[in-house]
Amino acid sequence: MIQKLFSYIVPIKIFKKKSQRSKIIEVTWANGELVLDSENTNYSYGSLQRILRYGLRNIGYDAILKMDHILLLGVAGGSVVKTLVDEIQYKGRITGVEIDPEMIKIANEYFNLNEIKQLEVVIDDAFEFVLKTKNKYNLIIIDIFEDIKMPNFLFERFFSERICSLLQNHGFVLFNTMILDEAHNVRNQKYISEIDPKLFASKMLPRVEAHNELIIIEKVV
């Protein structure tokens, strides 16, 4: 494909749409691969896929292969789903929660997300879903952004305690956060400090991208 070849020289935008939730959504050929972006940041594939792959590698591919059920809060184009299924060869259930139905339409059309049979996509607010779900999960991936902003509820103690309560024994949370200023550093430190150390081990991974910091929580009992 000519567009794919030329994208190694200059990014080639093939789709752009306004979304009520995500404002601007763009699909672009960049360095030979399709990526999904908002107006100011990468949403799926590209750098975001590298970040979450790094987090999954830290948890351990062997551990992930033994898991039964993974919850993904924030699906976007589904790059982390592709990493789980295509690269890690994960065979268990994946539930993806996405608030923006336009995003899922684009993910299906350009990234064939609807062809992944073990994936169930739920159109819902992540906060509402987390309150309602009766399931327990081996891994909960939190990857929720509104362009370059993160909703405040993600960092509230009530939400983090509810997320941790949904983990199976020795389950993990992988939380992708955006750091744009010192206040965000303080926010992340506070978030970690509120995790109960008697029940959970928590850590921040060294950054592989300047503005993204991954937090990993493991239920140790």
N, C-alpha and C. Protein backbone atom coordinates (compact mmCIF):
# COMPACT_ATOMS: atom_id res chain seq x y z
N MET A 1 0.86 -1.20 0.00
CA MET A 1 0.00 0.00 0.00
C MET A 1 0.89 1.25 0.00
N ILE A 2 0.60 2.16 -0.93
CA ILE A 2 1.43 3.36 -1.09
C ILE A 2 1.40 4.24 0.16
N GLN A 3 0.22 4.39 0.75
CA GLN A 3 0.12 5.22 1.96
C GLN A 3 1.01 4.69 3.09
N LYS A 4 1.02 3.37 3.24
CA LYS A 4 1.85 2.75 4.28
C LYS A 4 3.32 3.04 4.04
N LEU A 5 3.76 2.92 2.78
CA LEU A 5 5.16 3.18 2.45
C LEU A 5 5.54 4.64 2.69
N PHE A 6 4.68 5.55 2.23
CA PHE A 6 4.97 6.98 2.40
C PHE A 6 4.96 7.41 3.87
N SER A 7 4.24 6.63 4.71
CA SER A 7 4.12 7.01 6.12
C SER A 7 5.45 6.90 6.86
N TYR A 8 6.43 6.20 6.28
CA TYR A 8 7.76 6.17 6.89
C TYR A 8 8.47 7.52 6.72
N ILE A 9 8.00 8.32 5.76
CA ILE A 9 8.58 9.64 5.51
C ILE A 9 7.79 10.72 6.24
N VAL A 10 6.47 10.65 6.11
CA VAL A 10 5.60 11.65 6.73
C VAL A 10 4.28 10.98 7.11
N PRO A 11 3.71 11.28 8.29
CA PRO A 11 2.43 10.68 8.67
C PRO A 11 1.32 11.04 7.66
N ILE A 12 0.45 10.09 7.38
CA ILE A 12 -0.63 10.29 6.42
C ILE A 12 -1.97 10.05 7.12
N LYS A 13 -2.74 11.11 7.28
CA LYS A 13 -4.04 11.03 7.95
C LYS A 13 -5.08 10.48 6.97
N ILE A 14 -5.79 9.41 7.38
CA ILE A 14 -6.79 8.82 6.48
C ILE A 14 -8.21 8.97 7.01
N PHE A 15 -8.36 9.40 8.26
CA PHE A 15 -9.70 9.55 8.82
C PHE A 15 -9.65 10.57 9.94
N LYS A 16 -10.66 11.43 9.99
CA LYS A 16 -10.77 12.41 11.07
C LYS A 16 -12.24 12.65 11.36
N LYS A 17 -12.59 12.63 12.63
CA LYS A 17 -14.00 12.83 12.99
C LYS A 17 -14.10 13.52 14.33
N LYS A 18 -15.11 14.35 14.48
CA LYS A 18 -15.42 14.93 15.78
C LYS A 18 -16.29 13.95 16.55
N SER A 19 -15.93 13.78 17.83
CA SER A 19 -16.69 12.91 18.71
C SER A 19 -17.12 13.72 19.92
N GLN A 20 -18.35 13.47 20.37
CA GLN A 20 -18.85 14.21 21.53
C GLN A 20 -17.98 13.97 22.76
N ARG A 21 -17.49 12.75 22.91
CA ARG A 21 -16.69 12.38 24.07
C ARG A 21 -15.22 12.73 23.90
N SER A 22 -14.67 12.34 22.75
CA SER A 22 -13.22 12.43 22.56
C SER A 22 -12.80 13.64 21.73
N LYS A 23 -13.75 14.48 21.38
CA LYS A 23 -13.51 15.69 20.59
C LYS A 23 -13.04 15.33 19.18
N ILE A 24 -11.75 15.23 18.97
CA ILE A 24 -11.24 14.87 17.64
C ILE A 24 -10.64 13.46 17.70
N ILE A 25 -11.05 12.60 16.74
CA ILE A 25 -10.45 11.27 16.61
C ILE A 25 -9.83 11.20 15.22
N GLU A 26 -8.58 10.75 15.16
CA GLU A 26 -7.88 10.65 13.87
C GLU A 26 -7.26 9.26 13.73
N VAL A 27 -7.34 8.73 12.50
CA VAL A 27 -6.61 7.50 12.17
C VAL A 27 -5.53 7.89 11.16
N THR A 28 -4.30 7.51 11.46
CA THR A 28 -3.15 7.96 10.68
C THR A 28 -2.21 6.80 10.40
N TRP A 29 -1.67 6.77 9.17
CA TRP A 29 -0.54 5.89 8.90
C TRP A 29 0.72 6.60 9.40
N ALA A 30 1.48 5.94 10.28
CA ALA A 30 2.71 6.53 10.82
C ALA A 30 3.76 5.43 10.96
N ASN A 31 4.89 5.60 10.30
CA ASN A 31 5.98 4.61 10.35
C ASN A 31 5.49 3.21 10.02
N GLY A 32 4.61 3.14 9.03
CA GLY A 32 4.18 1.84 8.53
C GLY A 32 3.08 1.16 9.31
N GLU A 33 2.50 1.86 10.29
CA GLU A 33 1.40 1.25 11.03
C GLU A 33 0.27 2.25 11.23
N LEU A 34 -0.95 1.72 11.35
CA LEU A 34 -2.10 2.56 11.64
C LEU A 34 -2.12 2.89 13.12
N VAL A 35 -2.33 4.16 13.43
CA VAL A 35 -2.45 4.58 14.83
C VAL A 35 -3.72 5.39 15.00
N LEU A 36 -4.23 5.39 16.22
CA LEU A 36 -5.43 6.15 16.57
C LEU A 36 -5.03 7.26 17.53
N ASP A 37 -5.36 8.50 17.19
CA ASP A 37 -4.96 9.65 18.00
C ASP A 37 -6.16 10.52 18.33
N SER A 38 -6.04 11.25 19.43
CA SER A 38 -6.93 12.38 19.69
C SER A 38 -6.22 13.62 19.17
N GLU A 39 -6.75 14.79 19.50
CA GLU A 39 -6.15 16.02 18.98
C GLU A 39 -4.71 16.22 19.44
N ASN A 40 -4.42 15.82 20.69
CA ASN A 40 -3.12 16.13 21.27
C ASN A 40 -2.30 14.93 21.73
N THR A 41 -2.84 13.73 21.59
CA THR A 41 -2.09 12.58 22.11
C THR A 41 -2.45 11.30 21.37
N ASN A 42 -1.62 10.28 21.56
CA ASN A 42 -1.84 8.97 20.97
C ASN A 42 -2.82 8.18 21.83
N TYR A 43 -3.86 7.60 21.18
CA TYR A 43 -4.88 6.84 21.90
C TYR A 43 -4.65 5.33 21.81
N SER A 44 -4.19 4.86 20.67
CA SER A 44 -4.00 3.41 20.50
C SER A 44 -2.93 3.16 19.45
N TYR A 45 -2.21 2.07 19.64
CA TYR A 45 -1.09 1.70 18.79
C TYR A 45 0.00 2.76 18.99
N GLY A 46 1.03 2.76 18.20
CA GLY A 46 2.09 3.75 18.39
C GLY A 46 2.67 3.69 19.80
N SER A 47 2.93 4.87 20.39
CA SER A 47 3.61 4.95 21.68
C SER A 47 2.77 4.33 22.80
N LEU A 48 1.45 4.45 22.72
CA LEU A 48 0.61 3.90 23.79
C LEU A 48 0.73 2.38 23.85
N GLN A 49 0.78 1.74 22.68
CA GLN A 49 0.92 0.29 22.68
C GLN A 49 2.26 -0.12 23.30
N ARG A 50 3.31 0.64 23.03
CA ARG A 50 4.62 0.35 23.62
C ARG A 50 4.58 0.48 25.14
N ILE A 51 3.89 1.50 25.63
CA ILE A 51 3.80 1.73 27.07
C ILE A 51 3.10 0.57 27.77
N LEU A 52 1.95 0.18 27.25
CA LEU A 52 1.19 -0.88 27.91
C LEU A 52 1.86 -2.24 27.74
N ARG A 53 2.54 -2.46 26.63
CA ARG A 53 3.31 -3.70 26.45
C ARG A 53 4.40 -3.80 27.52
N TYR A 54 5.02 -2.67 27.80
CA TYR A 54 6.06 -2.60 28.84
C TYR A 54 5.47 -2.98 30.20
N GLY A 55 4.28 -2.50 30.48
CA GLY A 55 3.62 -2.84 31.74
C GLY A 55 3.27 -4.32 31.81
N LEU A 56 2.74 -4.87 30.72
CA LEU A 56 2.39 -6.29 30.69
C LEU A 56 3.64 -7.16 30.83
N ARG A 57 4.73 -6.73 30.22
CA ARG A 57 5.98 -7.49 30.33
C ARG A 57 6.47 -7.50 31.78
N ASN A 58 6.25 -6.38 32.48
CA ASN A 58 6.66 -6.30 33.88
C ASN A 58 5.83 -7.26 34.75
N ILE A 59 4.56 -7.40 34.45
CA ILE A 59 3.72 -8.37 35.16
C ILE A 59 4.17 -9.79 34.84
N GLY A 60 4.53 -10.01 33.57
CA GLY A 60 5.04 -11.32 33.15
C GLY A 60 4.08 -12.01 32.21
N TYR A 61 4.53 -12.30 31.00
CA TYR A 61 3.68 -12.96 30.02
C TYR A 61 3.22 -14.34 30.50
N ASP A 62 4.09 -15.07 31.19
CA ASP A 62 3.71 -16.40 31.69
C ASP A 62 2.56 -16.30 32.68
N ALA A 63 2.62 -15.28 33.55
CA ALA A 63 1.54 -15.08 34.52
C ALA A 63 0.23 -14.72 33.80
N ILE A 64 0.32 -13.90 32.77
CA ILE A 64 -0.88 -13.48 32.03
C ILE A 64 -1.52 -14.67 31.32
N LEU A 65 -0.72 -15.55 30.77
CA LEU A 65 -1.25 -16.72 30.06
C LEU A 65 -2.09 -17.62 30.97
N LYS A 66 -1.84 -17.58 32.27
CA LYS A 66 -2.60 -18.41 33.21
C LYS A 66 -3.89 -17.74 33.69
N MET A 67 -4.11 -16.50 33.29
CA MET A 67 -5.28 -15.75 33.77
C MET A 67 -6.55 -16.19 33.03
N ASP A 68 -7.68 -16.06 33.74
CA ASP A 68 -8.98 -16.42 33.17
C ASP A 68 -9.74 -15.23 32.60
N HIS A 69 -9.63 -14.08 33.27
CA HIS A 69 -10.50 -12.95 32.89
C HIS A 69 -9.77 -11.63 33.12
N ILE A 70 -9.67 -10.84 32.07
CA ILE A 70 -9.02 -9.52 32.12
C ILE A 70 -10.06 -8.44 31.86
N LEU A 71 -10.03 -7.38 32.66
CA LEU A 71 -10.91 -6.23 32.48
C LEU A 71 -10.08 -5.06 31.97
N LEU A 72 -10.55 -4.45 30.90
CA LEU A 72 -9.90 -3.27 30.32
C LEU A 72 -10.85 -2.09 30.42
N LEU A 73 -10.46 -1.08 31.18
CA LEU A 73 -11.25 0.14 31.31
C LEU A 73 -10.64 1.18 30.37
N GLY A 74 -11.34 1.47 29.26
CA GLY A 74 -10.84 2.35 28.22
C GLY A 74 -10.29 1.54 27.06
N VAL A 75 -11.11 1.30 26.05
CA VAL A 75 -10.71 0.42 24.94
C VAL A 75 -10.03 1.18 23.82
N ALA A 76 -10.60 2.33 23.45
CA ALA A 76 -10.13 3.12 22.28
C ALA A 76 -10.00 2.19 21.07
N GLY A 77 -8.82 2.17 20.43
CA GLY A 77 -8.66 1.33 19.24
C GLY A 77 -8.33 -0.11 19.53
N GLY A 78 -8.09 -0.42 20.80
CA GLY A 78 -7.89 -1.81 21.20
C GLY A 78 -6.47 -2.32 21.07
N SER A 79 -5.48 -1.43 21.11
CA SER A 79 -4.10 -1.89 20.91
C SER A 79 -3.64 -2.85 22.00
N VAL A 80 -4.05 -2.63 23.24
CA VAL A 80 -3.62 -3.54 24.31
C VAL A 80 -4.30 -4.90 24.15
N VAL A 81 -5.51 -4.91 23.58
CA VAL A 81 -6.18 -6.19 23.31
C VAL A 81 -5.38 -6.98 22.27
N LYS A 82 -4.93 -6.26 21.24
CA LYS A 82 -4.11 -6.92 20.20
C LYS A 82 -2.81 -7.45 20.80
N THR A 83 -2.20 -6.70 21.71
CA THR A 83 -0.98 -7.18 22.37
C THR A 83 -1.27 -8.47 23.14
N LEU A 84 -2.36 -8.48 23.89
CA LEU A 84 -2.72 -9.67 24.67
C LEU A 84 -2.96 -10.88 23.78
N VAL A 85 -3.74 -10.69 22.71
CA VAL A 85 -4.18 -11.82 21.89
C VAL A 85 -3.13 -12.24 20.87
N ASP A 86 -2.55 -11.27 20.16
CA ASP A 86 -1.64 -11.59 19.06
C ASP A 86 -0.22 -11.86 19.53
N GLU A 87 0.26 -11.07 20.48
CA GLU A 87 1.66 -11.20 20.90
C GLU A 87 1.84 -12.17 22.07
N ILE A 88 0.98 -12.05 23.09
CA ILE A 88 1.11 -12.91 24.26
C ILE A 88 0.40 -14.25 24.05
N GLN A 89 -0.55 -14.28 23.09
CA GLN A 89 -1.34 -15.48 22.82
C GLN A 89 -2.27 -15.83 23.99
N TYR A 90 -2.78 -14.79 24.63
CA TYR A 90 -3.73 -14.98 25.74
C TYR A 90 -5.04 -15.55 25.20
N LYS A 91 -5.57 -16.56 25.89
CA LYS A 91 -6.76 -17.28 25.41
C LYS A 91 -8.00 -17.06 26.27
N GLY A 92 -7.85 -16.36 27.40
CA GLY A 92 -8.98 -16.20 28.31
C GLY A 92 -9.93 -15.09 27.88
N ARG A 93 -10.86 -14.75 28.77
CA ARG A 93 -11.87 -13.73 28.50
C ARG A 93 -11.27 -12.33 28.67
N ILE A 94 -11.73 -11.42 27.82
CA ILE A 94 -11.40 -9.99 27.96
C ILE A 94 -12.71 -9.22 27.93
N THR A 95 -12.95 -8.41 28.95
CA THR A 95 -14.09 -7.48 28.94
C THR A 95 -13.53 -6.08 28.80
N GLY A 96 -13.95 -5.38 27.75
CA GLY A 96 -13.50 -4.02 27.51
C GLY A 96 -14.64 -3.04 27.72
N VAL A 97 -14.40 -2.02 28.53
CA VAL A 97 -15.42 -1.01 28.82
C VAL A 97 -14.99 0.30 28.16
N GLU A 98 -15.85 0.83 27.31
CA GLU A 98 -15.56 2.06 26.57
C GLU A 98 -16.80 2.95 26.58
N ILE A 99 -16.62 4.21 26.96
CA ILE A 99 -17.76 5.11 27.08
C ILE A 99 -18.19 5.69 25.73
N ASP A 100 -17.29 5.70 24.76
CA ASP A 100 -17.53 6.38 23.48
C ASP A 100 -17.84 5.37 22.38
N PRO A 101 -19.11 5.24 21.98
CA PRO A 101 -19.45 4.27 20.92
C PRO A 101 -18.79 4.59 19.59
N GLU A 102 -18.51 5.86 19.32
CA GLU A 102 -17.83 6.22 18.08
C GLU A 102 -16.44 5.59 18.02
N MET A 103 -15.78 5.52 19.17
CA MET A 103 -14.45 4.94 19.24
C MET A 103 -14.48 3.47 18.85
N ILE A 104 -15.50 2.75 19.30
CA ILE A 104 -15.60 1.32 18.99
C ILE A 104 -15.92 1.11 17.51
N LYS A 105 -16.74 1.97 16.93
CA LYS A 105 -17.00 1.88 15.48
C LYS A 105 -15.71 2.00 14.69
N ILE A 106 -14.88 2.96 15.08
CA ILE A 106 -13.59 3.17 14.39
C ILE A 106 -12.66 1.99 14.64
N ALA A 107 -12.65 1.48 15.87
CA ALA A 107 -11.80 0.33 16.20
C ALA A 107 -12.18 -0.89 15.38
N ASN A 108 -13.48 -1.08 15.18
CA ASN A 108 -13.95 -2.21 14.36
C ASN A 108 -13.60 -2.02 12.89
N GLU A 109 -13.78 -0.80 12.39
CA GLU A 109 -13.59 -0.55 10.96
C GLU A 109 -12.12 -0.56 10.54
N TYR A 110 -11.27 0.07 11.36
CA TYR A 110 -9.87 0.24 10.96
C TYR A 110 -8.91 -0.77 11.61
N PHE A 111 -9.32 -1.32 12.76
CA PHE A 111 -8.40 -2.20 13.49
C PHE A 111 -8.98 -3.60 13.73
N ASN A 112 -10.16 -3.86 13.13
CA ASN A 112 -10.78 -5.20 13.16
C ASN A 112 -10.97 -5.74 14.58
N LEU A 113 -11.33 -4.87 15.48
CA LEU A 113 -11.49 -5.29 16.88
C LEU A 113 -12.62 -6.31 17.03
N ASN A 114 -13.65 -6.18 16.18
CA ASN A 114 -14.80 -7.08 16.28
C ASN A 114 -14.48 -8.51 15.86
N GLU A 115 -13.29 -8.75 15.33
CA GLU A 115 -12.90 -10.11 14.94
C GLU A 115 -12.29 -10.89 16.10
N ILE A 116 -12.08 -10.24 17.24
CA ILE A 116 -11.50 -10.92 18.40
C ILE A 116 -12.65 -11.50 19.23
N LYS A 117 -12.84 -12.81 19.09
CA LYS A 117 -14.03 -13.48 19.64
C LYS A 117 -14.04 -13.51 21.16
N GLN A 118 -12.88 -13.50 21.80
CA GLN A 118 -12.86 -13.59 23.26
C GLN A 118 -13.07 -12.24 23.93
N LEU A 119 -13.23 -11.20 23.12
CA LEU A 119 -13.43 -9.84 23.63
C LEU A 119 -14.91 -9.50 23.67
N GLU A 120 -15.38 -9.07 24.84
CA GLU A 120 -16.72 -8.51 24.97
C GLU A 120 -16.58 -7.02 25.25
N VAL A 121 -17.14 -6.18 24.38
CA VAL A 121 -17.09 -4.73 24.56
C VAL A 121 -18.40 -4.26 25.19
N VAL A 122 -18.28 -3.52 26.27
CA VAL A 122 -19.43 -2.94 26.96
C VAL A 122 -19.35 -1.43 26.83
N ILE A 123 -20.39 -0.82 26.26
CA ILE A 123 -20.45 0.64 26.17
C ILE A 123 -21.02 1.15 27.49
N ASP A 124 -20.16 1.72 28.30
CA ASP A 124 -20.58 2.17 29.63
C ASP A 124 -19.51 3.10 30.19
N ASP A 125 -19.91 3.85 31.19
CA ASP A 125 -18.98 4.65 31.97
C ASP A 125 -18.19 3.72 32.88
N ALA A 126 -16.88 3.85 32.91
CA ALA A 126 -16.04 2.95 33.70
C ALA A 126 -16.41 2.98 35.18
N PHE A 127 -16.70 4.15 35.70
CA PHE A 127 -17.06 4.28 37.12
C PHE A 127 -18.33 3.49 37.41
N GLU A 128 -19.34 3.63 36.54
CA GLU A 128 -20.60 2.92 36.72
C GLU A 128 -20.39 1.42 36.61
N PHE A 129 -19.60 1.01 35.62
CA PHE A 129 -19.37 -0.42 35.41
C PHE A 129 -18.69 -1.04 36.62
N VAL A 130 -17.69 -0.37 37.14
CA VAL A 130 -16.94 -0.90 38.28
C VAL A 130 -17.84 -1.04 39.51
N LEU A 131 -18.79 -0.14 39.67
CA LEU A 131 -19.73 -0.25 40.79
C LEU A 131 -20.68 -1.42 40.62
N LYS A 132 -21.06 -1.74 39.37
CA LYS A 132 -22.09 -2.74 39.09
C LYS A 132 -21.56 -4.17 38.97
N THR A 133 -20.35 -4.33 38.48
CA THR A 133 -19.89 -5.66 38.11
C THR A 133 -19.83 -6.60 39.32
N LYS A 134 -20.22 -7.84 39.08
CA LYS A 134 -20.18 -8.88 40.12
C LYS A 134 -18.97 -9.80 39.92
N ASN A 135 -18.23 -9.60 38.83
CA ASN A 135 -17.11 -10.47 38.51
C ASN A 135 -15.86 -10.09 39.29
N LYS A 136 -14.94 -11.05 39.38
CA LYS A 136 -13.59 -10.80 39.88
C LYS A 136 -12.64 -11.03 38.70
N TYR A 137 -11.53 -10.30 38.70
CA TYR A 137 -10.64 -10.31 37.54
C TYR A 137 -9.21 -10.62 37.97
N ASN A 138 -8.48 -11.25 37.06
CA ASN A 138 -7.06 -11.53 37.31
C ASN A 138 -6.19 -10.32 37.00
N LEU A 139 -6.66 -9.48 36.08
CA LEU A 139 -5.93 -8.27 35.69
C LEU A 139 -6.92 -7.19 35.30
N ILE A 140 -6.75 -6.01 35.86
CA ILE A 140 -7.56 -4.84 35.48
C ILE A 140 -6.62 -3.79 34.91
N ILE A 141 -6.83 -3.45 33.65
CA ILE A 141 -6.02 -2.43 32.98
C ILE A 141 -6.83 -1.15 32.91
N ILE A 142 -6.29 -0.07 33.46
CA ILE A 142 -6.97 1.23 33.45
C ILE A 142 -6.23 2.14 32.47
N ASP A 143 -6.91 2.54 31.42
CA ASP A 143 -6.28 3.33 30.35
C ASP A 143 -7.29 4.35 29.83
N ILE A 144 -7.66 5.27 30.71
CA ILE A 144 -8.76 6.20 30.43
C ILE A 144 -8.24 7.63 30.32
N PHE A 145 -8.43 8.19 29.14
CA PHE A 145 -8.02 9.57 28.89
C PHE A 145 -9.11 10.29 28.10
N GLU A 146 -9.26 11.56 28.36
CA GLU A 146 -10.06 12.45 27.52
C GLU A 146 -9.08 13.45 26.93
N ASP A 147 -8.56 13.08 25.75
CA ASP A 147 -7.43 13.77 25.14
C ASP A 147 -6.25 13.69 26.12
N ILE A 148 -5.76 14.80 26.65
CA ILE A 148 -4.62 14.72 27.56
C ILE A 148 -5.04 14.83 29.03
N LYS A 149 -6.35 14.76 29.29
CA LYS A 149 -6.84 14.84 30.67
C LYS A 149 -7.28 13.47 31.16
N MET A 150 -7.15 13.26 32.46
CA MET A 150 -7.63 12.05 33.10
C MET A 150 -8.75 12.42 34.06
N PRO A 151 -9.88 11.70 34.02
CA PRO A 151 -10.97 12.01 34.95
C PRO A 151 -10.52 11.89 36.41
N ASN A 152 -10.98 12.82 37.24
CA ASN A 152 -10.55 12.85 38.64
C ASN A 152 -10.93 11.60 39.41
N PHE A 153 -12.05 10.97 39.04
CA PHE A 153 -12.52 9.82 39.83
C PHE A 153 -11.51 8.68 39.85
N LEU A 154 -10.65 8.60 38.82
CA LEU A 154 -9.68 7.51 38.75
C LEU A 154 -8.74 7.51 39.96
N PHE A 155 -8.51 8.68 40.53
CA PHE A 155 -7.53 8.82 41.62
C PHE A 155 -8.18 8.92 42.99
N GLU A 156 -9.50 8.84 43.03
CA GLU A 156 -10.19 8.92 44.32
C GLU A 156 -10.06 7.60 45.06
N ARG A 157 -9.91 7.70 46.36
CA ARG A 157 -9.67 6.51 47.18
C ARG A 157 -10.81 5.51 47.04
N PHE A 158 -12.03 5.99 46.99
CA PHE A 158 -13.18 5.09 46.86
C PHE A 158 -13.05 4.23 45.62
N PHE A 159 -12.65 4.85 44.50
CA PHE A 159 -12.54 4.10 43.24
C PHE A 159 -11.38 3.10 43.29
N SER A 160 -10.23 3.52 43.80
CA SER A 160 -9.08 2.60 43.85
C SER A 160 -9.38 1.42 44.77
N GLU A 161 -10.08 1.66 45.88
CA GLU A 161 -10.43 0.55 46.77
C GLU A 161 -11.43 -0.40 46.11
N ARG A 162 -12.35 0.18 45.35
CA ARG A 162 -13.32 -0.66 44.63
C ARG A 162 -12.62 -1.50 43.56
N ILE A 163 -11.70 -0.88 42.83
CA ILE A 163 -10.92 -1.61 41.82
C ILE A 163 -10.16 -2.77 42.47
N CYS A 164 -9.49 -2.49 43.57
CA CYS A 164 -8.70 -3.53 44.25
C CYS A 164 -9.59 -4.65 44.78
N SER A 165 -10.83 -4.31 45.15
CA SER A 165 -11.74 -5.34 45.67
C SER A 165 -12.21 -6.30 44.58
N LEU A 166 -12.02 -5.93 43.32
CA LEU A 166 -12.44 -6.77 42.20
C LEU A 166 -11.36 -7.73 41.74
N LEU A 167 -10.20 -7.70 42.40
CA LEU A 167 -9.10 -8.58 42.00
C LEU A 167 -9.23 -9.96 42.61
N GLN A 168 -8.92 -10.98 41.81
CA GLN A 168 -8.71 -12.31 42.33
C GLN A 168 -7.42 -12.32 43.16
N ASN A 169 -7.23 -13.35 43.95
CA ASN A 169 -5.97 -13.48 44.67
C ASN A 169 -4.80 -13.48 43.68
N HIS A 170 -3.78 -12.72 44.02
CA HIS A 170 -2.60 -12.55 43.16
C HIS A 170 -2.95 -11.93 41.80
N GLY A 171 -4.06 -11.17 41.78
CA GLY A 171 -4.42 -10.41 40.60
C GLY A 171 -3.67 -9.09 40.55
N PHE A 172 -3.71 -8.43 39.39
CA PHE A 172 -2.95 -7.21 39.15
C PHE A 172 -3.84 -6.08 38.64
N VAL A 173 -3.45 -4.86 38.98
CA VAL A 173 -3.95 -3.64 38.32
C VAL A 173 -2.78 -3.03 37.55
N LEU A 174 -3.03 -2.70 36.30
CA LEU A 174 -2.05 -1.95 35.48
C LEU A 174 -2.71 -0.63 35.12
N PHE A 175 -2.19 0.47 35.67
CA PHE A 175 -2.82 1.79 35.57
C PHE A 175 -1.88 2.72 34.80
N ASN A 176 -2.32 3.15 33.63
CA ASN A 176 -1.55 4.08 32.80
C ASN A 176 -1.95 5.51 33.15
N THR A 177 -1.00 6.30 33.62
CA THR A 177 -1.29 7.69 34.00
C THR A 177 -0.48 8.66 33.16
N MET A 178 -0.98 9.88 33.06
CA MET A 178 -0.29 10.92 32.32
C MET A 178 0.28 11.96 33.29
N ILE A 179 1.54 12.29 33.09
CA ILE A 179 2.25 13.25 33.95
C ILE A 179 2.62 14.46 33.10
N LEU A 180 2.00 15.60 33.38
CA LEU A 180 2.30 16.82 32.63
C LEU A 180 2.92 17.91 33.50
N ASP A 181 2.80 17.76 34.83
CA ASP A 181 3.37 18.78 35.71
C ASP A 181 3.62 18.17 37.09
N GLU A 182 4.18 18.95 37.98
CA GLU A 182 4.55 18.44 39.31
C GLU A 182 3.31 18.02 40.11
N ALA A 183 2.20 18.69 39.89
CA ALA A 183 0.97 18.31 40.60
C ALA A 183 0.57 16.87 40.28
N HIS A 184 0.84 16.43 39.06
CA HIS A 184 0.53 15.06 38.67
C HIS A 184 1.46 14.06 39.37
N ASN A 185 2.72 14.45 39.55
CA ASN A 185 3.64 13.60 40.33
C ASN A 185 3.13 13.43 41.75
N VAL A 186 2.70 14.52 42.36
CA VAL A 186 2.17 14.48 43.72
C VAL A 186 0.91 13.61 43.78
N ARG A 187 0.06 13.77 42.78
CA ARG A 187 -1.18 12.97 42.70
C ARG A 187 -0.87 11.47 42.67
N ASN A 188 0.10 11.07 41.86
CA ASN A 188 0.46 9.65 41.76
C ASN A 188 1.05 9.12 43.06
N GLN A 189 1.91 9.93 43.70
CA GLN A 189 2.49 9.52 44.98
C GLN A 189 1.40 9.32 46.03
N LYS A 190 0.43 10.22 46.05
CA LYS A 190 -0.69 10.11 46.98
C LYS A 190 -1.50 8.85 46.70
N TYR A 191 -1.73 8.57 45.43
CA TYR A 191 -2.49 7.39 45.03
C TYR A 191 -1.82 6.12 45.56
N ILE A 192 -0.52 6.02 45.35
CA ILE A 192 0.23 4.85 45.82
C ILE A 192 0.19 4.75 47.34
N SER A 193 0.29 5.88 48.03
CA SER A 193 0.34 5.88 49.50
C SER A 193 -0.96 5.39 50.12
N GLU A 194 -2.05 5.47 49.37
CA GLU A 194 -3.36 5.08 49.90
C GLU A 194 -3.69 3.60 49.67
N ILE A 195 -2.82 2.88 48.95
CA ILE A 195 -3.02 1.45 48.73
C ILE A 195 -2.57 0.68 49.98
N ASP A 196 -3.42 -0.19 50.50
CA ASP A 196 -3.14 -0.91 51.74
C ASP A 196 -1.94 -1.86 51.56
N PRO A 197 -0.80 -1.58 52.19
CA PRO A 197 0.40 -2.40 51.98
C PRO A 197 0.31 -3.81 52.58
N LYS A 198 -0.68 -4.03 53.44
CA LYS A 198 -0.85 -5.36 54.03
C LYS A 198 -1.51 -6.32 53.04
N LEU A 199 -2.26 -5.76 52.10
CA LEU A 199 -3.00 -6.58 51.14
C LEU A 199 -2.44 -6.50 49.73
N PHE A 200 -1.75 -5.40 49.44
CA PHE A 200 -1.33 -5.15 48.06
C PHE A 200 0.11 -4.66 48.00
N ALA A 201 0.82 -5.09 46.98
CA ALA A 201 2.14 -4.53 46.66
C ALA A 201 1.95 -3.57 45.50
N SER A 202 2.47 -2.35 45.62
CA SER A 202 2.28 -1.36 44.56
C SER A 202 3.61 -0.72 44.21
N LYS A 203 3.75 -0.34 42.93
CA LYS A 203 4.99 0.30 42.49
C LYS A 203 4.71 1.14 41.25
N MET A 204 5.57 2.12 41.02
CA MET A 204 5.57 2.89 39.79
C MET A 204 6.76 2.43 38.96
N LEU A 205 6.53 2.15 37.69
CA LEU A 205 7.61 1.69 36.83
C LEU A 205 8.41 2.88 36.31
N PRO A 206 9.73 2.72 36.11
CA PRO A 206 10.50 3.78 35.45
C PRO A 206 9.86 4.11 34.10
N ARG A 207 9.80 5.39 33.81
CA ARG A 207 9.08 5.83 32.59
C ARG A 207 9.84 5.46 31.32
N VAL A 208 9.08 4.96 30.35
CA VAL A 208 9.64 4.72 29.01
C VAL A 208 9.23 5.85 28.05
N GLU A 209 8.19 6.60 28.42
CA GLU A 209 7.77 7.79 27.68
C GLU A 209 7.72 8.94 28.68
N ALA A 210 8.09 10.13 28.25
CA ALA A 210 8.26 11.25 29.18
C ALA A 210 7.00 11.56 29.99
N HIS A 211 5.83 11.41 29.37
CA HIS A 211 4.61 11.88 30.02
C HIS A 211 3.70 10.75 30.50
N ASN A 212 4.15 9.52 30.44
CA ASN A 212 3.32 8.41 30.92
C ASN A 212 4.03 7.67 32.05
N GLU A 213 3.30 7.41 33.13
CA GLU A 213 3.83 6.65 34.24
C GLU A 213 2.87 5.51 34.55
N LEU A 214 3.41 4.30 34.60
CA LEU A 214 2.61 3.11 34.88
C LEU A 214 2.68 2.77 36.36
N ILE A 215 1.51 2.51 36.94
CA ILE A 215 1.41 2.03 38.31
C ILE A 215 0.93 0.58 38.26
N ILE A 216 1.61 -0.30 39.00
CA ILE A 216 1.22 -1.69 39.09
C ILE A 216 0.88 -2.02 40.53
N ILE A 217 -0.28 -2.63 40.72
CA ILE A 217 -0.72 -3.09 42.04
C ILE A 217 -0.95 -4.60 41.96
N GLU A 218 -0.42 -5.33 42.92
CA GLU A 218 -0.65 -6.77 42.96
C GLU A 218 -1.30 -7.14 44.31
N LYS A 219 -2.36 -7.94 44.22
CA LYS A 219 -3.00 -8.45 45.44
C LYS A 219 -2.16 -9.60 45.95
N VAL A 220 -1.58 -9.46 47.12
CA VAL A 220 -0.57 -10.42 47.58
C VAL A 220 -1.17 -11.48 48.49
N VAL A 221 -2.42 -11.36 48.89
CA VAL A 221 -3.05 -12.40 49.72
C VAL A 221 -4.36 -12.84 49.07
